Amino acid sequence: MKVDLVFEGGGILGLAFVGAYEALVKSGYQIARSAGTSAGSIISALIMAGYSYEELASVIRKTDFSVFQKKTRLSHFGLFGKALSVIYNKGIYDIGIVQEWLQGLLLRKGVRTFKDLMTGGISPLKIIAADITDRQLLILPDDASYYGIEPEDFSVSLAVAMSCSIPLFFTPVKIAHGRVTNYIVDGGLLSTFPIWIFDVEKTPRYPTFGFKIKDPKSNTAQGKAGIIPYLKDLITASINTEETTYLRDADLVRTIIIDFDNKNKSTDFKITRTRINYLYECGYQSTIAFLKQWNFFEYVKKYRM
């Protein structure tokens, strides 16, 4: 059966989505379309580019994710330098390194722009980002025209970089809009879990599954005081809105919530191989457990008739 996928954000915890992808494929599902925010935009882009779960498993086990924390020039000068980087660069770490990494992976599959993914002018990939200058949600490539760019000509890796730019942590992506420079950041600021994006008014022919990481405990909830834990909680809160907490029943029943032991945070990019394997297994097992009780026809009868 075909299936559409929607992945929420989650930073490094999004590695669990690769395990979920394996579970879906092994259960006989064919991915038709995929959408995502932040970490979810990465897995969505790579799936739509044609990566198998075996290939993605190899990628995440060989990648040194600590390189994603490439400091800006100011960030090299301790805590004071990081504060200055936030003021002048709008972030501590350079989002460009994430874009370069993803661009390399996409080029292996011959993907540069959304045109390379389109059929009949329609993209099966949707990336969620947030324009904080004009205060609006972006669905890419559709909204690229707002900036005078044809959707088919918009860079896939740039769209994902926009979606992954965690406020204050990563530098925002800047894009010219007339005489103004717009700042684009993590889509989770406005919609971290766009489960609605592929919904149709009529009865759906196949399901949409959402994938969500169990919300981890905050630093302050764990008794960690101080400005650094506070700022980390602020960043996390900015990409985990109440949208993910208060799901309608019709959305909750089609959402796989990936449980884990809470020993990693979304910005733990210095993750070990052991923890990568652990998150992968969490994604796999949570998805298998969900699929065992899922019934598309019962879902349609109860919620979409």
C-alpha atoms as a PDB file:
ATOM      1  CA  MET A   1       0.000   0.000   0.000  1.00  0.00           C
ATOM      2  CA  LYS A   2       1.099   3.549  -0.692  1.00  0.00           C
ATOM      3  CA  VAL A   3       1.620   5.941   2.197  1.00  0.00           C
ATOM      4  CA  ASP A   4       2.404   9.613   2.711  1.00  0.00           C
ATOM      5  CA  LEU A   5       4.784  10.509   5.526  1.00  0.00           C
ATOM      6  CA  VAL A   6       5.071  13.554   7.776  1.00  0.00           C
ATOM      7  CA  PHE A   7       8.078  13.887  10.074  1.00  0.00           C
ATOM      8  CA  GLU A   8       8.321  16.402  12.890  1.00  0.00           C
ATOM      9  CA  GLY A   9      11.498  18.104  14.072  1.00  0.00           C
ATOM     10  CA  GLY A  10      13.733  16.721  16.781  1.00  0.00           C
ATOM     11  CA  GLY A  11      17.313  17.630  15.974  1.00  0.00           C
ATOM     12  CA  ILE A  12      19.707  14.703  16.356  1.00  0.00           C
ATOM     13  CA  LEU A  13      16.868  12.584  17.753  1.00  0.00           C
ATOM     14  CA  GLY A  14      15.543  12.482  14.189  1.00  0.00           C
ATOM     15  CA  LEU A  15      18.031   9.673  13.494  1.00  0.00           C
ATOM     16  CA  ALA A  16      15.256   7.444  14.821  1.00  0.00           C
ATOM     17  CA  PHE A  17      13.268   8.233  11.670  1.00  0.00           C
ATOM     18  CA  VAL A  18      15.634   6.085   9.596  1.00  0.00           C
ATOM     19  CA  GLY A  19      14.717   3.057  11.690  1.00  0.00           C
ATOM     20  CA  ALA A  20      11.051   3.931  11.209  1.00  0.00           C
ATOM     21  CA  TYR A  21      11.629   4.061   7.448  1.00  0.00           C
ATOM     22  CA  GLU A  22      13.059   0.534   7.515  1.00  0.00           C
ATOM     23  CA  ALA A  23      10.023  -0.739   9.420  1.00  0.00           C
ATOM     24  CA  LEU A  24       7.650   0.776   6.868  1.00  0.00           C
ATOM     25  CA  VAL A  25       9.455  -0.680   3.859  1.00  0.00           C
ATOM     26  CA  LYS A  26       9.753  -4.126   5.433  1.00  0.00           C
ATOM     27  CA  SER A  27       6.021  -3.999   6.193  1.00  0.00           C
ATOM     28  CA  GLY A  28       5.231  -3.506   2.516  1.00  0.00           C
ATOM     29  CA  TYR A  29       4.578   0.235   2.334  1.00  0.00           C
ATOM     30  CA  GLN A  30       5.598   2.328  -0.670  1.00  0.00           C
ATOM     31  CA  ILE A  31       6.370   5.976   0.030  1.00  0.00           C
ATOM     32  CA  ALA A  32       4.357   8.288  -2.239  1.00  0.00           C
ATOM     33  CA  ARG A  33       5.073  11.695  -0.691  1.00  0.00           C
ATOM     34  CA  SER A  34       6.898  13.024   2.331  1.00  0.00           C
ATOM     35  CA  ALA A  35       6.982  16.252   4.320  1.00  0.00           C
ATOM     36  CA  GLY A  36       8.995  17.398   7.274  1.00  0.00           C
ATOM     37  CA  THR A  37      10.169  20.100   9.594  1.00  0.00           C
ATOM     38  CA  SER A  38      13.771  20.479  10.778  1.00  0.00           C
ATOM     39  CA  ALA A  39      15.257  16.968  11.198  1.00  0.00           C
ATOM     40  CA  GLY A  40      12.109  15.656   9.539  1.00  0.00           C
ATOM     41  CA  SER A  41      12.909  17.676   6.438  1.00  0.00           C
ATOM     42  CA  ILE A  42      16.254  15.879   6.100  1.00  0.00           C
ATOM     43  CA  ILE A  43      14.810  12.359   6.143  1.00  0.00           C
ATOM     44  CA  SER A  44      11.966  13.458   3.842  1.00  0.00           C
ATOM     45  CA  ALA A  45      14.365  14.925   1.290  1.00  0.00           C
ATOM     46  CA  LEU A  46      16.606  11.866   1.285  1.00  0.00           C
ATOM     47  CA  ILE A  47      13.694   9.432   0.966  1.00  0.00           C
ATOM     48  CA  MET A  48      12.219  11.383  -1.949  1.00  0.00           C
ATOM     49  CA  ALA A  49      15.669  11.568  -3.559  1.00  0.00           C
ATOM     50  CA  GLY A  50      15.626   7.777  -3.722  1.00  0.00           C
ATOM     51  CA  TYR A  51      17.708   6.639  -0.763  1.00  0.00           C
ATOM     52  CA  SER A  52      16.893   3.181   0.583  1.00  0.00           C
ATOM     53  CA  TYR A  53      16.809   2.545   4.308  1.00  0.00           C
ATOM     54  CA  GLU A  54      20.010   0.500   3.941  1.00  0.00           C
ATOM     55  CA  GLU A  55      21.786   3.461   2.359  1.00  0.00           C
ATOM     56  CA  LEU A  56      20.528   5.873   5.005  1.00  0.00           C
ATOM     57  CA  ALA A  57      21.528   3.508   7.802  1.00  0.00           C
ATOM     58  CA  SER A  58      25.049   3.520   6.373  1.00  0.00           C
ATOM     59  CA  VAL A  59      25.051   7.321   6.067  1.00  0.00           C
ATOM     60  CA  ILE A  60      24.053   8.028   9.667  1.00  0.00           C
ATOM     61  CA  ARG A  61      26.535   5.484  11.043  1.00  0.00           C
ATOM     62  CA  LYS A  62      29.424   6.972   9.063  1.00  0.00           C
ATOM     63  CA  THR A  63      28.643  10.655   9.619  1.00  0.00           C
ATOM     64  CA  ASP A  64      30.407  12.628  12.328  1.00  0.00           C
ATOM     65  CA  PHE A  65      27.505  14.860  13.342  1.00  0.00           C
ATOM     66  CA  SER A  66      29.711  16.945  15.610  1.00  0.00           C
ATOM     67  CA  VAL A  67      30.864  18.810  12.482  1.00  0.00           C
ATOM     68  CA  PHE A  68      27.387  20.360  12.352  1.00  0.00           C
ATOM     69  CA  GLN A  69      28.495  22.516  15.258  1.00  0.00           C
ATOM     70  CA  LYS A  70      30.810  24.589  13.080  1.00  0.00           C
ATOM     71  CA  LYS A  71      31.318  27.788  15.012  1.00  0.00           C
ATOM     72  CA  THR A  72      31.054  31.224  13.503  1.00  0.00           C
ATOM     73  CA  ARG A  73      34.193  33.353  13.850  1.00  0.00           C
ATOM     74  CA  LEU A  74      32.837  35.062  16.960  1.00  0.00           C
ATOM     75  CA  SER A  75      31.766  31.784  18.586  1.00  0.00           C
ATOM     76  CA  HIS A  76      35.395  30.722  18.957  1.00  0.00           C
ATOM     77  CA  PHE A  77      35.888  33.247  21.748  1.00  0.00           C
ATOM     78  CA  GLY A  78      34.195  31.444  24.614  1.00  0.00           C
ATOM     79  CA  LEU A  79      30.832  32.284  26.140  1.00  0.00           C
ATOM     80  CA  PHE A  80      31.242  35.995  25.428  1.00  0.00           C
ATOM     81  CA  GLY A  81      32.001  35.245  21.786  1.00  0.00           C
ATOM     82  CA  LYS A  82      28.924  33.031  21.491  1.00  0.00           C
ATOM     83  CA  ALA A  83      26.792  35.818  22.922  1.00  0.00           C
ATOM     84  CA  LEU A  84      28.226  38.216  20.351  1.00  0.00           C
ATOM     85  CA  SER A  85      27.590  35.661  17.594  1.00  0.00           C
ATOM     86  CA  VAL A  86      23.937  35.469  18.586  1.00  0.00           C
ATOM     87  CA  ILE A  87      23.748  39.266  18.451  1.00  0.00           C
ATOM     88  CA  TYR A  88      25.586  39.753  15.155  1.00  0.00           C
ATOM     89  CA  ASN A  89      25.109  36.427  13.331  1.00  0.00           C
ATOM     90  CA  LYS A  90      21.738  35.498  14.857  1.00  0.00           C
ATOM     91  CA  GLY A  91      23.164  32.113  15.877  1.00  0.00           C
ATOM     92  CA  ILE A  92      26.154  30.293  17.363  1.00  0.00           C
ATOM     93  CA  TYR A  93      26.792  27.659  14.691  1.00  0.00           C
ATOM     94  CA  ASP A  94      26.897  28.009  10.907  1.00  0.00           C
ATOM     95  CA  ILE A  95      23.894  26.365   9.199  1.00  0.00           C
ATOM     96  CA  GLY A  96      25.936  26.274   5.975  1.00  0.00           C
ATOM     97  CA  ILE A  97      27.704  23.073   7.031  1.00  0.00           C
ATOM     98  CA  VAL A  98      24.360  21.251   7.253  1.00  0.00           C
ATOM     99  CA  GLN A  99      23.421  22.426   3.774  1.00  0.00           C
ATOM    100  CA  GLU A 100      26.779  21.350   2.333  1.00  0.00           C
ATOM    101  CA  TRP A 101      26.468  17.882   3.877  1.00  0.00           C
ATOM    102  CA  LEU A 102      22.953  17.370   2.546  1.00  0.00           C
ATOM    103  CA  GLN A 103      23.793  18.810  -0.856  1.00  0.00           C
ATOM    104  CA  GLY A 104      26.508  16.205  -1.259  1.00  0.00           C
ATOM    105  CA  LEU A 105      24.090  13.400  -0.443  1.00  0.00           C
ATOM    106  CA  LEU A 106      21.429  14.720  -2.813  1.00  0.00           C
ATOM    107  CA  LEU A 107      23.886  15.109  -5.679  1.00  0.00           C
ATOM    108  CA  ARG A 108      24.697  11.389  -5.429  1.00  0.00           C
ATOM    109  CA  LYS A 109      21.091  10.822  -6.513  1.00  0.00           C
ATOM    110  CA  GLY A 110      21.132  13.566  -9.145  1.00  0.00           C
ATOM    111  CA  VAL A 111      19.003  15.975  -7.126  1.00  0.00           C
ATOM    112  CA  ARG A 112      19.716  19.706  -7.032  1.00  0.00           C
ATOM    113  CA  THR A 113      16.402  21.495  -7.312  1.00  0.00           C
ATOM    114  CA  PHE A 114      12.799  20.479  -6.741  1.00  0.00           C
ATOM    115  CA  LYS A 115      12.450  20.042 -10.504  1.00  0.00           C
ATOM    116  CA  ASP A 116      14.530  16.878 -10.170  1.00  0.00           C
ATOM    117  CA  LEU A 117      11.818  15.421  -7.916  1.00  0.00           C
ATOM    118  CA  MET A 118       8.718  16.690  -9.701  1.00  0.00           C
ATOM    119  CA  THR A 119       6.212  14.759 -11.772  1.00  0.00           C
ATOM    120  CA  GLY A 120       3.838  16.866 -13.825  1.00  0.00           C
ATOM    121  CA  GLY A 121       5.121  19.985 -12.105  1.00  0.00           C
ATOM    122  CA  ILE A 122       4.135  18.715  -8.653  1.00  0.00           C
ATOM    123  CA  SER A 123       6.674  18.014  -5.924  1.00  0.00           C
ATOM    124  CA  PRO A 124       6.185  14.922  -3.721  1.00  0.00           C
ATOM    125  CA  LEU A 125       8.425  16.645  -1.156  1.00  0.00           C
ATOM    126  CA  LYS A 126       7.218  19.448   1.114  1.00  0.00           C
ATOM    127  CA  ILE A 127       9.561  21.305   3.454  1.00  0.00           C
ATOM    128  CA  ILE A 128       8.296  23.499   6.294  1.00  0.00           C
ATOM    129  CA  ALA A 129      10.201  26.648   7.290  1.00  0.00           C
ATOM    130  CA  ALA A 130       9.418  29.922   9.044  1.00  0.00           C
ATOM    131  CA  ASP A 131       9.986  33.427   7.682  1.00  0.00           C
ATOM    132  CA  ILE A 132      10.447  35.459  10.865  1.00  0.00           C
ATOM    133  CA  THR A 133      10.841  38.717   8.930  1.00  0.00           C
ATOM    134  CA  ASP A 134       7.377  38.543   7.386  1.00  0.00           C
ATOM    135  CA  ARG A 135       6.062  36.301  10.179  1.00  0.00           C
ATOM    136  CA  GLN A 136       4.700  33.531   8.009  1.00  0.00           C
ATOM    137  CA  LEU A 137       4.838  29.783   7.590  1.00  0.00           C
ATOM    138  CA  LEU A 138       6.548  28.587   4.424  1.00  0.00           C
ATOM    139  CA  ILE A 139       5.695  25.407   2.550  1.00  0.00           C
ATOM    140  CA  LEU A 140       8.497  24.799   0.089  1.00  0.00           C
ATOM    141  CA  PRO A 141       8.848  24.654  -2.829  1.00  0.00           C
ATOM    142  CA  ASP A 142       5.330  26.117  -3.239  1.00  0.00           C
ATOM    143  CA  ASP A 143       6.081  29.398  -1.453  1.00  0.00           C
ATOM    144  CA  ALA A 144       9.364  30.024  -3.281  1.00  0.00           C
ATOM    145  CA  SER A 145       7.397  32.210  -5.698  1.00  0.00           C
ATOM    146  CA  TYR A 146       6.877  34.665  -2.822  1.00  0.00           C
ATOM    147  CA  TYR A 147      10.578  35.506  -3.196  1.00  0.00           C
ATOM    148  CA  GLY A 148      10.456  35.693  -6.976  1.00  0.00           C
ATOM    149  CA  ILE A 149      11.854  32.183  -7.480  1.00  0.00           C
ATOM    150  CA  GLU A 150      10.130  29.494  -9.523  1.00  0.00           C
ATOM    151  CA  PRO A 151       9.300  26.549  -7.227  1.00  0.00           C
ATOM    152  CA  GLU A 152      10.943  24.077  -9.611  1.00  0.00           C
ATOM    153  CA  ASP A 153      14.188  26.080  -9.534  1.00  0.00           C
ATOM    154  CA  PHE A 154      14.441  26.228  -5.746  1.00  0.00           C
ATOM    155  CA  SER A 155      17.350  24.332  -4.185  1.00  0.00           C
ATOM    156  CA  VAL A 156      16.297  21.312  -2.122  1.00  0.00           C
ATOM    157  CA  SER A 157      19.319  21.567   0.163  1.00  0.00           C
ATOM    158  CA  LEU A 158      18.631  25.272   0.761  1.00  0.00           C
ATOM    159  CA  ALA A 159      15.007  24.556   1.673  1.00  0.00           C
ATOM    160  CA  VAL A 160      16.135  21.915   4.169  1.00  0.00           C
ATOM    161  CA  ALA A 161      18.782  24.242   5.624  1.00  0.00           C
ATOM    162  CA  MET A 162      16.036  26.802   6.193  1.00  0.00           C
ATOM    163  CA  SER A 163      13.904  24.237   7.967  1.00  0.00           C
ATOM    164  CA  CYS A 164      16.817  23.070  10.135  1.00  0.00           C
ATOM    165  CA  SER A 165      17.982  26.474  11.330  1.00  0.00           C
ATOM    166  CA  ILE A 166      17.170  26.117  15.042  1.00  0.00           C
ATOM    167  CA  PRO A 167      16.761  29.690  16.359  1.00  0.00           C
ATOM    168  CA  LEU A 168      19.835  31.027  18.215  1.00  0.00           C
ATOM    169  CA  PHE A 169      21.632  27.669  17.822  1.00  0.00           C
ATOM    170  CA  PHE A 170      22.152  27.825  14.038  1.00  0.00           C
ATOM    171  CA  THR A 171      22.487  30.954  11.942  1.00  0.00           C
ATOM    172  CA  PRO A 172      19.338  31.700   9.936  1.00  0.00           C
ATOM    173  CA  VAL A 173      19.204  31.464   6.154  1.00  0.00           C
ATOM    174  CA  LYS A 174      18.969  34.880   4.517  1.00  0.00           C
ATOM    175  CA  ILE A 175      17.043  35.435   1.303  1.00  0.00           C
ATOM    176  CA  ALA A 176      16.528  38.644  -0.645  1.00  0.00           C
ATOM    177  CA  HIS A 177      12.948  39.893  -0.902  1.00  0.00           C
ATOM    178  CA  GLY A 178      12.815  43.187  -2.743  1.00  0.00           C
ATOM    179  CA  ARG A 179      14.881  45.676  -0.780  1.00  0.00           C
ATOM    180  CA  VAL A 180      14.612  43.608   2.382  1.00  0.00           C
ATOM    181  CA  THR A 181      16.634  40.610   3.551  1.00  0.00           C
ATOM    182  CA  ASN A 182      14.343  38.009   5.078  1.00  0.00           C
ATOM    183  CA  TYR A 183      15.502  35.641   7.809  1.00  0.00           C
ATOM    184  CA  ILE A 184      14.294  32.046   7.478  1.00  0.00           C
ATOM    185  CA  VAL A 185      14.519  29.602  10.392  1.00  0.00           C
ATOM    186  CA  ASP A 186      13.363  26.220  11.685  1.00  0.00           C
ATOM    187  CA  GLY A 187       9.819  25.510  10.538  1.00  0.00           C
ATOM    188  CA  GLY A 188       9.057  24.136  13.985  1.00  0.00           C
ATOM    189  CA  LEU A 189       8.758  27.706  15.194  1.00  0.00           C
ATOM    190  CA  LEU A 190       5.349  27.822  13.485  1.00  0.00           C
ATOM    191  CA  SER A 191       4.489  24.204  12.663  1.00  0.00           C
ATOM    192  CA  THR A 192       6.695  21.430  13.971  1.00  0.00           C
ATOM    193  CA  PHE A 193       4.265  18.649  13.018  1.00  0.00           C
ATOM    194  CA  PRO A 194       2.319  19.433   9.796  1.00  0.00           C
ATOM    195  CA  ILE A 195       0.298  16.209   9.813  1.00  0.00           C
ATOM    196  CA  TRP A 196      -2.389  18.041   7.822  1.00  0.00           C
ATOM    197  CA  ILE A 197      -0.276  18.822   4.779  1.00  0.00           C
ATOM    198  CA  PHE A 198      -1.393  15.961   2.491  1.00  0.00           C
ATOM    199  CA  ASP A 199      -4.998  15.743   3.710  1.00  0.00           C
ATOM    200  CA  VAL A 200      -7.807  15.807   1.146  1.00  0.00           C
ATOM    201  CA  GLU A 201     -11.474  16.681   1.594  1.00  0.00           C
ATOM    202  CA  LYS A 202     -12.656  13.400   0.092  1.00  0.00           C
ATOM    203  CA  THR A 203     -12.005   9.924   1.445  1.00  0.00           C
ATOM    204  CA  PRO A 204      -8.249   9.244   1.158  1.00  0.00           C
ATOM    205  CA  ARG A 205      -7.065   6.373  -1.041  1.00  0.00           C
ATOM    206  CA  TYR A 206      -4.185   5.563   1.281  1.00  0.00           C
ATOM    207  CA  PRO A 207      -2.979   6.749   4.703  1.00  0.00           C
ATOM    208  CA  THR A 208      -0.744   9.516   5.935  1.00  0.00           C
ATOM    209  CA  PHE A 209       1.474   8.510   8.852  1.00  0.00           C
ATOM    210  CA  GLY A 210       3.007  11.064  11.163  1.00  0.00           C
ATOM    211  CA  PHE A 211       6.247  10.477  13.057  1.00  0.00           C
ATOM    212  CA  LYS A 212       6.914  12.247  16.313  1.00  0.00           C
ATOM    213  CA  ILE A 213       9.688  11.942  18.881  1.00  0.00           C
ATOM    214  CA  LYS A 214       8.509  11.633  22.473  1.00  0.00           C
ATOM    215  CA  ASP A 215       9.004  15.023  24.091  1.00  0.00           C
ATOM    216  CA  PRO A 216      12.095  14.875  26.336  1.00  0.00           C
ATOM    217  CA  LYS A 217      12.183  16.381  29.817  1.00  0.00           C
ATOM    218  CA  SER A 218      13.507  19.919  29.978  1.00  0.00           C
ATOM    219  CA  ASN A 219      16.750  20.762  31.756  1.00  0.00           C
ATOM    220  CA  THR A 220      14.923  22.776  34.393  1.00  0.00           C
ATOM    221  CA  ALA A 221      12.494  19.895  34.992  1.00  0.00           C
ATOM    222  CA  GLN A 222      15.565  17.779  35.741  1.00  0.00           C
ATOM    223  CA  GLY A 223      16.735  20.302  38.329  1.00  0.00           C
ATOM    224  CA  LYS A 224      19.453  21.862  36.165  1.00  0.00           C
ATOM    225  CA  ALA A 225      19.716  25.575  36.930  1.00  0.00           C
ATOM    226  CA  GLY A 226      21.804  28.297  35.336  1.00  0.00           C
ATOM    227  CA  ILE A 227      21.710  30.347  32.164  1.00  0.00           C
ATOM    228  CA  ILE A 228      23.026  27.641  29.797  1.00  0.00           C
ATOM    229  CA  PRO A 229      20.347  25.025  30.692  1.00  0.00           C
ATOM    230  CA  TYR A 230      17.773  27.813  30.482  1.00  0.00           C
ATOM    231  CA  LEU A 231      18.886  28.856  27.002  1.00  0.00           C
ATOM    232  CA  LYS A 232      18.868  25.224  25.848  1.00  0.00           C
ATOM    233  CA  ASP A 233      15.287  24.881  27.112  1.00  0.00           C
ATOM    234  CA  LEU A 234      14.385  28.106  25.332  1.00  0.00           C
ATOM    235  CA  ILE A 235      15.719  26.749  22.045  1.00  0.00           C
ATOM    236  CA  THR A 236      13.925  23.429  22.504  1.00  0.00           C
ATOM    237  CA  ALA A 237      10.656  25.126  23.443  1.00  0.00           C
ATOM    238  CA  SER A 238      10.826  27.256  20.310  1.00  0.00           C
ATOM    239  CA  ILE A 239      10.738  24.142  18.121  1.00  0.00           C
ATOM    240  CA  ASN A 240       8.320  22.080  20.203  1.00  0.00           C
ATOM    241  CA  THR A 241       5.086  24.034  20.139  1.00  0.00           C
ATOM    242  CA  GLU A 242       1.806  23.035  21.725  1.00  0.00           C
ATOM    243  CA  GLU A 243       0.742  21.844  18.253  1.00  0.00           C
ATOM    244  CA  THR A 244       2.539  18.558  18.991  1.00  0.00           C
ATOM    245  CA  THR A 245       0.976  18.179  22.418  1.00  0.00           C
ATOM    246  CA  TYR A 246      -2.683  18.664  21.609  1.00  0.00           C
ATOM    247  CA  LEU A 247      -3.327  16.382  18.659  1.00  0.00           C
ATOM    248  CA  ARG A 248      -6.865  15.650  17.519  1.00  0.00           C
ATOM    249  CA  ASP A 249      -7.923  12.037  17.913  1.00  0.00           C
ATOM    250  CA  ALA A 250      -8.052  11.712  14.119  1.00  0.00           C
ATOM    251  CA  ASP A 251      -4.396  12.738  13.951  1.00  0.00           C
ATOM    252  CA  LEU A 252      -3.186  10.912  17.041  1.00  0.00           C
ATOM    253  CA  VAL A 253      -4.378   7.542  15.734  1.00  0.00           C
ATOM    254  CA  ARG A 254      -2.192   7.926  12.618  1.00  0.00           C
ATOM    255  CA  THR A 255       0.873   9.154  14.491  1.00  0.00           C
ATOM    256  CA  ILE A 256       3.815   6.973  15.502  1.00  0.00           C
ATOM    257  CA  ILE A 257       5.304   8.372  18.698  1.00  0.00           C
ATOM    258  CA  ILE A 258       8.880   7.164  19.006  1.00  0.00           C
ATOM    259  CA  ASP A 259       9.751   6.468  22.624  1.00  0.00           C
ATOM    260  CA  PHE A 260      13.306   6.625  23.936  1.00  0.00           C
ATOM    261  CA  ASP A 261      15.199   6.793  27.240  1.00  0.00           C
ATOM    262  CA  ASN A 262      15.585  10.587  27.359  1.00  0.00           C
ATOM    263  CA  LYS A 263      19.404  10.398  27.528  1.00  0.00           C
ATOM    264  CA  ASN A 264      19.926  12.629  24.503  1.00  0.00           C
ATOM    265  CA  LYS A 265      18.739  16.135  23.691  1.00  0.00           C
ATOM    266  CA  SER A 266      17.877  17.445  20.250  1.00  0.00           C
ATOM    267  CA  THR A 267      21.158  19.387  20.042  1.00  0.00           C
ATOM    268  CA  ASP A 268      23.470  16.531  21.151  1.00  0.00           C
ATOM    269  CA  PHE A 269      25.388  16.435  17.880  1.00  0.00           C
ATOM    270  CA  LYS A 270      28.401  14.786  19.518  1.00  0.00           C
ATOM    271  CA  ILE A 271      26.381  11.581  19.650  1.00  0.00           C
ATOM    272  CA  THR A 272      28.132   8.205  19.882  1.00  0.00           C
ATOM    273  CA  ARG A 273      27.737   5.285  17.491  1.00  0.00           C
ATOM    274  CA  THR A 274      26.062   3.297  20.281  1.00  0.00           C
ATOM    275  CA  ARG A 275      23.430   5.998  20.760  1.00  0.00           C
ATOM    276  CA  ILE A 276      22.859   6.278  17.015  1.00  0.00           C
ATOM    277  CA  ASN A 277      22.132   2.554  16.869  1.00  0.00           C
ATOM    278  CA  TYR A 278      19.873   2.873  19.904  1.00  0.00           C
ATOM    279  CA  LEU A 279      17.768   5.665  18.376  1.00  0.00           C
ATOM    280  CA  TYR A 280      17.565   3.730  15.104  1.00  0.00           C
ATOM    281  CA  GLU A 281      16.199   0.702  16.951  1.00  0.00           C
ATOM    282  CA  CYS A 282      13.709   2.888  18.841  1.00  0.00           C
ATOM    283  CA  GLY A 283      12.352   4.174  15.539  1.00  0.00           C
ATOM    284  CA  TYR A 284      12.108   0.674  14.120  1.00  0.00           C
ATOM    285  CA  GLN A 285      10.412  -0.926  17.122  1.00  0.00           C
ATOM    286  CA  SER A 286       7.956   1.934  17.710  1.00  0.00           C
ATOM    287  CA  THR A 287       6.845   1.771  14.082  1.00  0.00           C
ATOM    288  CA  ILE A 288       6.457  -2.012  14.065  1.00  0.00           C
ATOM    289  CA  ALA A 289       4.344  -1.797  17.237  1.00  0.00           C
ATOM    290  CA  PHE A 290       2.122   0.853  15.637  1.00  0.00           C
ATOM    291  CA  LEU A 291       1.637  -1.063  12.390  1.00  0.00           C
ATOM    292  CA  LYS A 292       0.526  -4.185  14.255  1.00  0.00           C
ATOM    293  CA  GLN A 293      -2.578  -2.372  15.489  1.00  0.00           C
ATOM    294  CA  TRP A 294      -3.153  -0.051  12.508  1.00  0.00           C
ATOM    295  CA  ASN A 295      -6.176  -0.608  10.264  1.00  0.00           C
ATOM    296  CA  PHE A 296      -6.627   1.887   7.436  1.00  0.00           C
ATOM    297  CA  PHE A 297     -10.202   0.897   6.695  1.00  0.00           C
ATOM    298  CA  GLU A 298     -11.234   1.295  10.330  1.00  0.00           C
ATOM    299  CA  TYR A 299      -9.556   4.696  10.350  1.00  0.00           C
ATOM    300  CA  VAL A 300     -11.484   5.794   7.253  1.00  0.00           C
ATOM    301  CA  LYS A 301     -14.763   4.460   8.640  1.00  0.00           C
ATOM    302  CA  LYS A 302     -14.380   6.288  11.957  1.00  0.00           C
ATOM    303  CA  TYR A 303     -12.750   9.558  10.922  1.00  0.00           C
ATOM    304  CA  ARG A 304     -13.086  10.153   7.160  1.00  0.00           C
ATOM    305  CA  MET A 305     -16.503   8.896   6.074  1.00  0.00           C
END
